[in-house]
N, C-alpha and C. Protein backbone atom coordinates (compact mmCIF):
# COMPACT_ATOMS: atom_id res chain seq x y z
N MET A 1 -16.70 0.55 -28.46
CA MET A 1 -15.34 0.50 -27.89
C MET A 1 -14.30 0.68 -28.99
N ASN A 2 -13.41 1.68 -28.85
CA ASN A 2 -12.41 1.90 -29.87
C ASN A 2 -11.30 0.85 -29.84
N GLU A 3 -10.41 0.94 -30.81
CA GLU A 3 -9.36 -0.09 -30.93
C GLU A 3 -8.46 -0.12 -29.73
N ALA A 4 -8.07 1.07 -29.20
CA ALA A 4 -7.19 1.11 -28.03
C ALA A 4 -7.87 0.49 -26.81
N SER A 5 -9.14 0.80 -26.64
CA SER A 5 -9.88 0.23 -25.50
C SER A 5 -10.02 -1.27 -25.63
N GLN A 6 -10.21 -1.75 -26.84
CA GLN A 6 -10.31 -3.19 -27.08
C GLN A 6 -8.99 -3.88 -26.74
N GLU A 7 -7.87 -3.25 -27.14
CA GLU A 7 -6.55 -3.83 -26.85
C GLU A 7 -6.29 -3.83 -25.35
N LYS A 8 -6.65 -2.75 -24.66
CA LYS A 8 -6.51 -2.72 -23.21
C LYS A 8 -7.32 -3.82 -22.54
N ASP A 9 -8.52 -4.00 -23.01
CA ASP A 9 -9.40 -5.01 -22.45
C ASP A 9 -8.84 -6.40 -22.68
N ARG A 10 -8.27 -6.63 -23.85
CA ARG A 10 -7.68 -7.92 -24.15
C ARG A 10 -6.48 -8.20 -23.25
N LEU A 11 -5.61 -7.19 -23.13
CA LEU A 11 -4.44 -7.34 -22.26
C LEU A 11 -4.85 -7.57 -20.83
N ARG A 12 -5.84 -6.83 -20.37
CA ARG A 12 -6.31 -6.94 -19.00
C ARG A 12 -6.78 -8.36 -18.69
N LYS A 13 -7.58 -8.93 -19.58
CA LYS A 13 -8.12 -10.27 -19.37
C LYS A 13 -6.99 -11.30 -19.39
N GLU A 14 -6.07 -11.14 -20.33
CA GLU A 14 -4.98 -12.09 -20.49
C GLU A 14 -4.05 -12.11 -19.26
N ILE A 15 -3.68 -10.92 -18.80
CA ILE A 15 -2.75 -10.85 -17.68
C ILE A 15 -3.44 -11.24 -16.36
N LEU A 16 -4.66 -10.82 -16.17
CA LEU A 16 -5.37 -11.20 -14.94
C LEU A 16 -5.54 -12.72 -14.88
N LYS A 17 -5.83 -13.34 -15.99
CA LYS A 17 -5.95 -14.80 -16.02
C LYS A 17 -4.65 -15.47 -15.57
N ARG A 18 -3.55 -14.93 -16.08
CA ARG A 18 -2.23 -15.51 -15.68
C ARG A 18 -1.95 -15.23 -14.21
N ARG A 19 -2.29 -14.04 -13.73
CA ARG A 19 -2.02 -13.74 -12.34
C ARG A 19 -2.88 -14.57 -11.40
N MET A 20 -4.13 -14.75 -11.74
CA MET A 20 -5.01 -15.55 -10.90
C MET A 20 -4.61 -17.01 -10.88
N ALA A 21 -3.82 -17.47 -11.86
CA ALA A 21 -3.39 -18.86 -11.92
C ALA A 21 -2.15 -19.12 -11.03
N LEU A 22 -1.58 -18.07 -10.46
CA LEU A 22 -0.39 -18.24 -9.61
C LEU A 22 -0.78 -18.99 -8.32
N SER A 23 0.11 -19.83 -7.87
CA SER A 23 -0.10 -20.51 -6.59
C SER A 23 0.22 -19.56 -5.44
N SER A 24 -0.26 -19.88 -4.26
CA SER A 24 0.03 -19.04 -3.10
C SER A 24 1.53 -18.98 -2.81
N GLN A 25 2.23 -20.10 -3.11
CA GLN A 25 3.69 -20.13 -2.91
C GLN A 25 4.39 -19.18 -3.91
N GLU A 26 3.91 -19.16 -5.14
CA GLU A 26 4.50 -18.26 -6.14
C GLU A 26 4.26 -16.79 -5.75
N VAL A 27 3.06 -16.50 -5.29
CA VAL A 27 2.76 -15.14 -4.85
C VAL A 27 3.66 -14.74 -3.68
N GLN A 28 3.80 -15.63 -2.71
CA GLN A 28 4.61 -15.33 -1.53
C GLN A 28 6.07 -15.11 -1.89
N LYS A 29 6.62 -15.99 -2.75
CA LYS A 29 8.02 -15.90 -3.12
C LYS A 29 8.30 -14.58 -3.86
N ALA A 30 7.47 -14.25 -4.84
CA ALA A 30 7.66 -13.02 -5.58
C ALA A 30 7.46 -11.79 -4.71
N SER A 31 6.45 -11.86 -3.83
CA SER A 31 6.18 -10.72 -2.94
C SER A 31 7.32 -10.46 -1.98
N GLU A 32 7.93 -11.51 -1.48
CA GLU A 32 9.06 -11.36 -0.58
C GLU A 32 10.25 -10.71 -1.31
N ALA A 33 10.47 -11.12 -2.55
CA ALA A 33 11.57 -10.54 -3.34
C ALA A 33 11.32 -9.07 -3.60
N VAL A 34 10.08 -8.71 -3.93
CA VAL A 34 9.74 -7.30 -4.17
C VAL A 34 9.92 -6.51 -2.89
N ALA A 35 9.44 -7.06 -1.76
CA ALA A 35 9.54 -6.35 -0.48
C ALA A 35 10.98 -6.08 -0.10
N GLU A 36 11.87 -7.03 -0.37
CA GLU A 36 13.28 -6.85 -0.04
C GLU A 36 13.89 -5.71 -0.84
N ARG A 37 13.50 -5.59 -2.10
CA ARG A 37 13.99 -4.47 -2.93
C ARG A 37 13.45 -3.15 -2.40
N ILE A 38 12.22 -3.11 -1.98
CA ILE A 38 11.65 -1.87 -1.43
C ILE A 38 12.35 -1.50 -0.13
N ARG A 39 12.57 -2.48 0.73
CA ARG A 39 13.20 -2.24 2.01
C ARG A 39 14.63 -1.68 1.88
N ALA A 40 15.28 -2.00 0.76
CA ALA A 40 16.65 -1.54 0.54
C ALA A 40 16.72 -0.09 0.14
N LEU A 41 15.59 0.50 -0.26
CA LEU A 41 15.60 1.87 -0.75
C LEU A 41 15.68 2.90 0.37
N SER A 42 16.47 3.93 0.17
CA SER A 42 16.49 5.02 1.16
C SER A 42 15.12 5.70 1.20
N GLU A 43 14.41 5.70 0.06
CA GLU A 43 13.07 6.30 0.03
C GLU A 43 12.10 5.57 0.97
N TRP A 44 12.32 4.28 1.16
CA TRP A 44 11.50 3.52 2.11
C TRP A 44 12.00 3.72 3.54
N LYS A 45 13.29 3.63 3.72
CA LYS A 45 13.86 3.73 5.07
C LYS A 45 13.58 5.11 5.69
N ASN A 46 13.58 6.16 4.87
CA ASN A 46 13.42 7.52 5.38
C ASN A 46 11.99 8.04 5.28
N ALA A 47 11.07 7.25 4.77
CA ALA A 47 9.72 7.73 4.53
C ALA A 47 8.97 7.92 5.84
N TRP A 48 8.32 9.07 5.93
CA TRP A 48 7.43 9.31 7.09
C TRP A 48 5.99 9.03 6.73
N CYS A 49 5.64 9.24 5.46
CA CYS A 49 4.26 9.05 5.00
C CYS A 49 4.29 8.25 3.69
N VAL A 50 3.61 7.10 3.69
CA VAL A 50 3.65 6.22 2.53
C VAL A 50 2.23 5.84 2.09
N LEU A 51 1.96 6.01 0.83
CA LEU A 51 0.69 5.52 0.25
C LEU A 51 0.87 4.08 -0.15
N MET A 52 0.01 3.21 0.39
CA MET A 52 0.07 1.77 0.14
C MET A 52 -1.20 1.32 -0.57
N TYR A 53 -1.32 0.03 -0.80
CA TYR A 53 -2.57 -0.57 -1.27
C TYR A 53 -2.79 -1.91 -0.56
N TRP A 54 -4.05 -2.30 -0.44
CA TRP A 54 -4.34 -3.60 0.13
C TRP A 54 -4.44 -4.59 -1.05
N PRO A 55 -3.66 -5.69 -1.02
CA PRO A 55 -3.58 -6.58 -2.19
C PRO A 55 -4.86 -7.39 -2.38
N ILE A 56 -5.24 -7.52 -3.66
CA ILE A 56 -6.37 -8.37 -4.06
C ILE A 56 -5.99 -9.16 -5.30
N LYS A 57 -6.67 -10.29 -5.51
CA LYS A 57 -6.54 -11.06 -6.75
C LYS A 57 -5.09 -11.36 -7.09
N ASN A 58 -4.35 -11.83 -6.10
CA ASN A 58 -2.96 -12.27 -6.28
C ASN A 58 -1.99 -11.14 -6.63
N GLU A 59 -2.35 -9.91 -6.29
CA GLU A 59 -1.38 -8.81 -6.45
C GLU A 59 -0.19 -9.05 -5.51
N ILE A 60 0.93 -8.38 -5.81
CA ILE A 60 2.08 -8.42 -4.92
C ILE A 60 1.61 -8.05 -3.52
N ASP A 61 1.95 -8.91 -2.55
CA ASP A 61 1.47 -8.75 -1.18
C ASP A 61 2.22 -7.62 -0.47
N THR A 62 1.49 -6.59 -0.07
CA THR A 62 2.07 -5.45 0.61
C THR A 62 1.86 -5.46 2.12
N VAL A 63 1.16 -6.48 2.62
CA VAL A 63 0.79 -6.45 4.04
C VAL A 63 2.02 -6.44 4.97
N PRO A 64 3.08 -7.21 4.72
CA PRO A 64 4.25 -7.11 5.59
C PRO A 64 4.86 -5.70 5.61
N LEU A 65 4.90 -5.04 4.47
CA LEU A 65 5.42 -3.67 4.42
C LEU A 65 4.49 -2.71 5.19
N LEU A 66 3.20 -2.91 5.05
CA LEU A 66 2.24 -2.08 5.76
C LEU A 66 2.41 -2.26 7.27
N GLN A 67 2.61 -3.49 7.70
CA GLN A 67 2.82 -3.74 9.11
C GLN A 67 4.09 -3.06 9.62
N GLU A 68 5.13 -3.04 8.80
CA GLU A 68 6.37 -2.35 9.17
C GLU A 68 6.13 -0.88 9.40
N LEU A 69 5.34 -0.26 8.52
CA LEU A 69 5.02 1.16 8.71
C LEU A 69 4.31 1.39 10.03
N TRP A 70 3.34 0.55 10.33
CA TRP A 70 2.64 0.66 11.60
C TRP A 70 3.57 0.49 12.78
N ASP A 71 4.45 -0.49 12.68
CA ASP A 71 5.36 -0.82 13.80
C ASP A 71 6.33 0.33 14.07
N ARG A 72 6.76 1.05 13.01
CA ARG A 72 7.74 2.10 13.22
C ARG A 72 7.09 3.48 13.41
N GLY A 73 5.76 3.53 13.39
CA GLY A 73 5.06 4.77 13.67
C GLY A 73 4.99 5.73 12.51
N SER A 74 5.25 5.22 11.31
CA SER A 74 5.08 6.08 10.12
C SER A 74 3.61 6.19 9.77
N VAL A 75 3.28 7.15 8.94
CA VAL A 75 1.91 7.34 8.49
C VAL A 75 1.66 6.44 7.31
N ALA A 76 0.72 5.52 7.44
CA ALA A 76 0.33 4.64 6.34
C ALA A 76 -0.99 5.13 5.77
N LEU A 77 -0.98 5.43 4.49
CA LEU A 77 -2.19 5.86 3.80
C LEU A 77 -2.73 4.70 2.98
N LEU A 78 -4.04 4.51 3.04
CA LEU A 78 -4.71 3.54 2.18
C LEU A 78 -5.89 4.21 1.53
N PRO A 79 -6.22 3.82 0.28
CA PRO A 79 -7.36 4.44 -0.39
C PRO A 79 -8.69 3.91 0.11
N ARG A 80 -9.69 4.79 0.09
CA ARG A 80 -11.07 4.39 0.41
C ARG A 80 -11.96 4.92 -0.71
N CYS A 81 -12.69 4.03 -1.36
CA CYS A 81 -13.56 4.45 -2.45
C CYS A 81 -14.66 5.36 -1.93
N ARG A 82 -14.96 6.41 -2.69
CA ARG A 82 -16.05 7.30 -2.32
C ARG A 82 -17.39 6.69 -2.65
N PRO A 83 -18.29 6.65 -1.70
CA PRO A 83 -19.63 6.12 -1.97
C PRO A 83 -20.31 6.95 -3.08
N ASN A 84 -20.91 6.23 -4.01
CA ASN A 84 -21.69 6.85 -5.09
C ASN A 84 -20.86 7.77 -5.98
N GLN A 85 -19.50 7.63 -5.97
CA GLN A 85 -18.67 8.40 -6.87
C GLN A 85 -17.65 7.46 -7.51
N PRO A 86 -18.08 6.67 -8.48
CA PRO A 86 -17.17 5.73 -9.13
C PRO A 86 -15.95 6.43 -9.72
N GLY A 87 -14.78 5.83 -9.51
CA GLY A 87 -13.54 6.37 -10.05
C GLY A 87 -12.78 7.26 -9.10
N PHE A 88 -13.38 7.57 -7.93
CA PHE A 88 -12.74 8.47 -7.00
C PHE A 88 -12.43 7.75 -5.67
N MET A 89 -11.21 8.00 -5.17
CA MET A 89 -10.80 7.45 -3.88
C MET A 89 -10.32 8.59 -2.99
N ASP A 90 -10.54 8.45 -1.69
CA ASP A 90 -9.94 9.34 -0.71
C ASP A 90 -8.82 8.58 -0.03
N LEU A 91 -7.76 9.29 0.32
CA LEU A 91 -6.63 8.67 1.01
C LEU A 91 -6.76 8.95 2.50
N CYS A 92 -6.70 7.87 3.29
CA CYS A 92 -6.96 7.97 4.72
C CYS A 92 -5.79 7.36 5.50
N ALA A 93 -5.48 7.98 6.60
CA ALA A 93 -4.44 7.45 7.48
C ALA A 93 -5.03 6.35 8.35
N CYS A 94 -4.34 5.22 8.41
CA CYS A 94 -4.79 4.13 9.28
C CYS A 94 -3.61 3.65 10.12
N ALA A 95 -3.92 3.20 11.33
CA ALA A 95 -2.88 2.87 12.29
C ALA A 95 -2.73 1.39 12.57
N GLY A 96 -3.56 0.56 11.99
CA GLY A 96 -3.48 -0.88 12.21
C GLY A 96 -4.65 -1.61 11.62
N MET A 97 -4.65 -2.93 11.76
CA MET A 97 -5.70 -3.74 11.21
C MET A 97 -7.08 -3.36 11.75
N ASP A 98 -7.12 -2.91 12.98
CA ASP A 98 -8.40 -2.53 13.59
C ASP A 98 -9.04 -1.35 12.89
N ASP A 99 -8.27 -0.61 12.10
CA ASP A 99 -8.80 0.55 11.39
C ASP A 99 -9.40 0.17 10.03
N LEU A 100 -9.31 -1.10 9.63
CA LEU A 100 -9.73 -1.52 8.31
C LEU A 100 -11.06 -2.27 8.34
N GLN A 101 -11.83 -2.10 7.30
CA GLN A 101 -13.08 -2.85 7.13
C GLN A 101 -13.29 -3.14 5.65
N THR A 102 -14.10 -4.13 5.36
CA THR A 102 -14.39 -4.47 3.97
C THR A 102 -15.23 -3.37 3.32
N GLY A 103 -14.74 -2.87 2.19
CA GLY A 103 -15.43 -1.79 1.51
C GLY A 103 -15.78 -2.15 0.09
N ALA A 104 -15.68 -1.18 -0.81
CA ALA A 104 -16.04 -1.41 -2.20
C ALA A 104 -15.21 -2.51 -2.81
N TYR A 105 -15.84 -3.29 -3.66
CA TYR A 105 -15.17 -4.42 -4.36
C TYR A 105 -14.62 -5.47 -3.42
N ASN A 106 -15.13 -5.49 -2.17
CA ASN A 106 -14.66 -6.45 -1.15
C ASN A 106 -13.19 -6.28 -0.83
N ILE A 107 -12.70 -5.06 -0.92
CA ILE A 107 -11.31 -4.75 -0.58
C ILE A 107 -11.28 -4.14 0.82
N LEU A 108 -10.32 -4.56 1.65
CA LEU A 108 -10.16 -3.91 2.93
C LEU A 108 -9.74 -2.46 2.73
N GLU A 109 -10.39 -1.54 3.40
CA GLU A 109 -10.09 -0.13 3.28
C GLU A 109 -10.30 0.55 4.62
N PRO A 110 -9.74 1.77 4.82
CA PRO A 110 -9.89 2.46 6.09
C PRO A 110 -11.37 2.66 6.44
N ALA A 111 -11.67 2.43 7.69
CA ALA A 111 -13.04 2.62 8.18
C ALA A 111 -13.39 4.10 8.22
N ALA A 112 -14.66 4.38 8.43
CA ALA A 112 -15.13 5.77 8.44
C ALA A 112 -14.44 6.61 9.50
N LYS A 113 -14.01 5.96 10.59
CA LYS A 113 -13.35 6.69 11.67
C LYS A 113 -11.97 7.21 11.31
N CYS A 114 -11.37 6.65 10.25
CA CYS A 114 -10.03 7.07 9.84
C CYS A 114 -10.10 8.44 9.16
N PRO A 115 -9.23 9.36 9.55
CA PRO A 115 -9.31 10.70 8.98
C PRO A 115 -8.84 10.75 7.54
N LEU A 116 -9.55 11.55 6.75
CA LEU A 116 -9.03 11.89 5.43
C LEU A 116 -7.77 12.70 5.64
N CYS A 117 -6.81 12.57 4.75
CA CYS A 117 -5.52 13.25 4.95
C CYS A 117 -5.69 14.75 5.11
N GLU A 118 -6.55 15.34 4.31
CA GLU A 118 -6.69 16.79 4.38
C GLU A 118 -7.40 17.25 5.64
N GLU A 119 -7.99 16.29 6.38
CA GLU A 119 -8.68 16.64 7.62
C GLU A 119 -7.89 16.24 8.85
N SER A 120 -6.72 15.63 8.65
CA SER A 120 -6.00 15.04 9.77
C SER A 120 -5.09 16.00 10.50
N GLY A 121 -4.95 17.21 10.00
CA GLY A 121 -4.05 18.19 10.65
C GLY A 121 -2.64 18.07 10.14
N GLU A 122 -2.37 17.05 9.33
CA GLU A 122 -1.03 16.88 8.73
C GLU A 122 -1.16 17.13 7.23
N PRO A 123 -0.11 17.71 6.63
CA PRO A 123 -0.18 17.90 5.18
C PRO A 123 -0.19 16.55 4.45
N PHE A 124 -1.03 16.45 3.45
CA PHE A 124 -1.08 15.23 2.65
C PHE A 124 0.03 15.29 1.63
N ILE A 125 1.22 14.85 2.04
CA ILE A 125 2.36 14.83 1.12
C ILE A 125 3.10 13.50 1.31
N PRO A 126 2.65 12.44 0.63
CA PRO A 126 3.36 11.16 0.76
C PRO A 126 4.80 11.29 0.26
N ASP A 127 5.69 10.70 0.99
CA ASP A 127 7.08 10.62 0.53
C ASP A 127 7.24 9.53 -0.55
N LEU A 128 6.42 8.51 -0.41
CA LEU A 128 6.54 7.33 -1.28
C LEU A 128 5.15 6.79 -1.53
N ALA A 129 4.90 6.33 -2.74
CA ALA A 129 3.64 5.68 -3.10
C ALA A 129 3.92 4.36 -3.80
N LEU A 130 3.36 3.28 -3.24
CA LEU A 130 3.50 1.95 -3.85
C LEU A 130 2.18 1.63 -4.50
N VAL A 131 2.21 1.41 -5.79
CA VAL A 131 0.98 1.43 -6.63
C VAL A 131 0.78 0.08 -7.32
N PRO A 132 -0.43 -0.45 -7.32
CA PRO A 132 -0.70 -1.70 -8.04
C PRO A 132 -1.15 -1.43 -9.47
N ALA A 133 -1.18 -2.47 -10.28
CA ALA A 133 -1.70 -2.36 -11.63
C ALA A 133 -1.88 -3.77 -12.21
N VAL A 134 -2.60 -3.83 -13.31
CA VAL A 134 -2.66 -5.08 -14.05
C VAL A 134 -1.38 -5.24 -14.87
N ALA A 135 -0.85 -4.11 -15.37
CA ALA A 135 0.39 -4.14 -16.15
C ALA A 135 1.01 -2.74 -16.15
N PHE A 136 2.33 -2.70 -16.41
CA PHE A 136 3.06 -1.45 -16.60
C PHE A 136 3.82 -1.56 -17.92
N ASP A 137 3.90 -0.43 -18.65
CA ASP A 137 4.65 -0.47 -19.90
C ASP A 137 6.08 0.01 -19.69
N GLY A 138 6.83 0.11 -20.78
CA GLY A 138 8.25 0.46 -20.71
C GLY A 138 8.53 1.89 -20.33
N LEU A 139 7.50 2.72 -20.15
CA LEU A 139 7.66 4.09 -19.70
C LEU A 139 7.03 4.34 -18.33
N GLY A 140 6.50 3.28 -17.74
CA GLY A 140 5.90 3.44 -16.41
C GLY A 140 4.41 3.72 -16.41
N TYR A 141 3.81 3.70 -17.61
CA TYR A 141 2.35 3.86 -17.64
C TYR A 141 1.68 2.56 -17.21
N ARG A 142 0.56 2.71 -16.52
CA ARG A 142 -0.09 1.54 -15.92
C ARG A 142 -1.41 1.21 -16.60
N LEU A 143 -1.70 -0.06 -16.60
CA LEU A 143 -3.00 -0.56 -17.02
C LEU A 143 -3.71 -1.03 -15.76
N GLY A 144 -4.82 -0.41 -15.44
CA GLY A 144 -5.57 -0.79 -14.25
C GLY A 144 -6.82 -1.56 -14.62
N PHE A 145 -7.84 -1.46 -13.76
CA PHE A 145 -9.06 -2.18 -14.02
C PHE A 145 -10.04 -1.37 -14.87
N GLY A 146 -9.64 -0.14 -15.24
CA GLY A 146 -10.44 0.64 -16.16
C GLY A 146 -11.28 1.72 -15.51
N GLY A 147 -11.19 1.86 -14.18
CA GLY A 147 -12.02 2.86 -13.51
C GLY A 147 -11.37 4.21 -13.35
N GLY A 148 -10.05 4.30 -13.59
CA GLY A 148 -9.34 5.58 -13.47
C GLY A 148 -9.05 6.00 -12.06
N TYR A 149 -9.22 5.10 -11.09
CA TYR A 149 -9.02 5.47 -9.68
C TYR A 149 -7.61 5.97 -9.43
N TYR A 150 -6.61 5.20 -9.81
CA TYR A 150 -5.23 5.58 -9.50
C TYR A 150 -4.72 6.69 -10.39
N ASP A 151 -5.24 6.82 -11.61
CA ASP A 151 -4.86 7.97 -12.44
C ASP A 151 -5.24 9.26 -11.76
N ARG A 152 -6.42 9.30 -11.14
CA ARG A 152 -6.84 10.51 -10.43
C ARG A 152 -5.97 10.76 -9.21
N VAL A 153 -5.64 9.72 -8.48
CA VAL A 153 -4.79 9.89 -7.30
C VAL A 153 -3.39 10.39 -7.70
N LEU A 154 -2.80 9.76 -8.69
CA LEU A 154 -1.44 10.14 -9.08
C LEU A 154 -1.38 11.53 -9.68
N ALA A 155 -2.50 12.03 -10.16
CA ALA A 155 -2.54 13.37 -10.75
C ALA A 155 -2.74 14.47 -9.71
N LEU A 156 -2.98 14.12 -8.46
CA LEU A 156 -3.17 15.13 -7.43
C LEU A 156 -1.89 15.96 -7.26
N PRO A 157 -2.02 17.26 -7.09
CA PRO A 157 -0.82 18.08 -6.91
C PRO A 157 0.01 17.67 -5.69
N GLU A 158 -0.65 17.13 -4.69
CA GLU A 158 0.07 16.68 -3.48
C GLU A 158 1.01 15.51 -3.78
N MET A 159 0.79 14.84 -4.90
CA MET A 159 1.66 13.72 -5.25
C MET A 159 2.92 14.14 -5.97
N ASP A 160 3.05 15.43 -6.27
CA ASP A 160 4.21 15.90 -7.03
C ASP A 160 5.52 15.57 -6.36
N GLU A 161 5.55 15.54 -5.03
CA GLU A 161 6.79 15.32 -4.28
C GLU A 161 7.01 13.82 -4.00
N ALA A 162 6.03 13.00 -4.25
CA ALA A 162 6.14 11.58 -3.90
C ALA A 162 6.96 10.80 -4.93
N VAL A 163 7.73 9.85 -4.45
CA VAL A 163 8.36 8.87 -5.31
C VAL A 163 7.34 7.75 -5.54
N THR A 164 6.97 7.53 -6.80
CA THR A 164 5.93 6.56 -7.13
C THR A 164 6.52 5.32 -7.76
N ILE A 165 6.21 4.18 -7.16
CA ILE A 165 6.75 2.89 -7.64
C ILE A 165 5.62 1.91 -7.83
N GLY A 166 5.54 1.33 -9.02
CA GLY A 166 4.56 0.28 -9.26
C GLY A 166 5.12 -1.07 -8.84
N LEU A 167 4.28 -1.90 -8.24
CA LEU A 167 4.67 -3.24 -7.81
C LEU A 167 3.92 -4.27 -8.67
N CYS A 168 4.67 -5.21 -9.25
CA CYS A 168 4.03 -6.23 -10.07
C CYS A 168 4.98 -7.39 -10.28
N TYR A 169 4.48 -8.43 -10.93
CA TYR A 169 5.31 -9.55 -11.33
C TYR A 169 6.00 -9.22 -12.67
N GLU A 170 7.08 -9.90 -12.92
CA GLU A 170 7.83 -9.62 -14.14
C GLU A 170 6.95 -9.78 -15.39
N PHE A 171 6.04 -10.77 -15.39
CA PHE A 171 5.23 -10.96 -16.57
C PHE A 171 4.20 -9.85 -16.79
N GLN A 172 4.03 -8.98 -15.79
CA GLN A 172 3.12 -7.86 -15.94
C GLN A 172 3.79 -6.64 -16.56
N ARG A 173 5.06 -6.74 -16.88
CA ARG A 173 5.75 -5.64 -17.55
C ARG A 173 5.68 -5.83 -19.06
N LEU A 174 5.16 -4.84 -19.75
CA LEU A 174 5.04 -4.88 -21.20
C LEU A 174 5.89 -3.79 -21.82
N GLU A 175 6.38 -4.02 -23.02
CA GLU A 175 7.16 -2.98 -23.71
C GLU A 175 6.27 -1.80 -24.04
N THR A 176 5.11 -2.08 -24.65
CA THR A 176 4.19 -0.99 -25.04
C THR A 176 2.77 -1.46 -24.79
N MET A 177 1.89 -0.48 -24.64
CA MET A 177 0.45 -0.75 -24.59
C MET A 177 -0.25 0.58 -24.86
N PRO A 178 -1.51 0.56 -25.26
CA PRO A 178 -2.22 1.80 -25.53
C PRO A 178 -2.33 2.67 -24.27
N THR A 179 -2.19 3.98 -24.44
CA THR A 179 -2.34 4.90 -23.33
C THR A 179 -3.30 6.02 -23.73
N ASN A 180 -3.85 6.69 -22.69
CA ASN A 180 -4.72 7.83 -22.90
C ASN A 180 -4.06 9.07 -22.35
N ALA A 181 -4.55 10.23 -22.76
CA ALA A 181 -3.96 11.49 -22.34
C ALA A 181 -3.95 11.68 -20.82
N TRP A 182 -4.92 11.07 -20.15
CA TRP A 182 -5.03 11.24 -18.68
C TRP A 182 -4.26 10.18 -17.90
N ASP A 183 -3.63 9.23 -18.58
CA ASP A 183 -2.89 8.20 -17.87
C ASP A 183 -1.66 8.81 -17.15
N GLU A 184 -1.44 8.38 -15.92
CA GLU A 184 -0.34 8.90 -15.12
C GLU A 184 0.71 7.81 -14.91
N PRO A 185 1.96 8.02 -15.34
CA PRO A 185 2.98 7.01 -15.15
C PRO A 185 3.56 7.04 -13.74
N VAL A 186 4.16 5.92 -13.35
CA VAL A 186 4.93 5.86 -12.11
C VAL A 186 6.41 6.12 -12.45
N GLN A 187 7.21 6.41 -11.43
CA GLN A 187 8.62 6.71 -11.64
C GLN A 187 9.49 5.48 -11.72
N GLY A 188 8.98 4.37 -11.18
CA GLY A 188 9.74 3.12 -11.21
C GLY A 188 8.79 1.94 -11.11
N VAL A 189 9.25 0.79 -11.51
CA VAL A 189 8.48 -0.45 -11.37
C VAL A 189 9.37 -1.50 -10.74
N CYS A 190 8.85 -2.13 -9.70
CA CYS A 190 9.60 -3.15 -8.95
C CYS A 190 8.93 -4.50 -9.14
N THR A 191 9.71 -5.48 -9.61
CA THR A 191 9.24 -6.85 -9.76
C THR A 191 10.14 -7.76 -8.92
N GLU A 192 9.83 -9.06 -8.96
CA GLU A 192 10.68 -10.02 -8.25
C GLU A 192 12.08 -10.10 -8.83
N ARG A 193 12.29 -9.54 -10.06
CA ARG A 193 13.56 -9.63 -10.72
C ARG A 193 14.41 -8.37 -10.58
N GLU A 194 13.76 -7.20 -10.63
CA GLU A 194 14.53 -5.94 -10.60
C GLU A 194 13.62 -4.77 -10.29
N LEU A 195 14.28 -3.66 -9.93
CA LEU A 195 13.59 -2.36 -9.82
C LEU A 195 14.12 -1.50 -10.95
N LYS A 196 13.24 -1.06 -11.83
CA LYS A 196 13.62 -0.24 -12.95
C LYS A 196 13.06 1.15 -12.78
N TRP A 197 13.92 2.18 -12.91
CA TRP A 197 13.52 3.56 -12.77
C TRP A 197 13.28 4.16 -14.16
N PHE A 198 12.33 5.07 -14.26
CA PHE A 198 12.05 5.79 -15.47
C PHE A 198 12.33 7.28 -15.33
N ARG A 199 12.49 7.75 -14.10
CA ARG A 199 12.63 9.19 -13.85
C ARG A 199 14.01 9.67 -14.24
């Protein structure tokens, strides 16, 4: 493991330990503050197609926002890990909780019946993408779990038109951290304290 990988691993363990120590009340309070900032954006209000994530391990809770998309009839996309292809996810349209099942890493993901975006008859062009991470740096680069899943998604040409926003707690924002050539930054990061744009 090279020096950059060692530093990423150290940061990952340190920040995940702090995040896992949050109480349910702390998670809820911060998540509500983040959700209010997202709801205030024209990019959210006008979005027809939004890439979301299902929260795990005390991540910022996106379930209320996901429910809003379902309630207003917008297209909600969630990732589904490809069987036997580590590091790759397919984006699938789902219409409600009944469309979700426990998948890879015990994360709720779209069931097999949910269409892949490219098969759904609609162009896969999210207006907005809300992205998780272990940490974000001062330029919008993200530290994930090390599998490259979201780097591959954010690099898709279909994502060129999407507004990409990372969701995290304030303590997950770092000034600098090691990056690789294939790392894909987000355009903004939203915490319980502020929404900062990099674009």
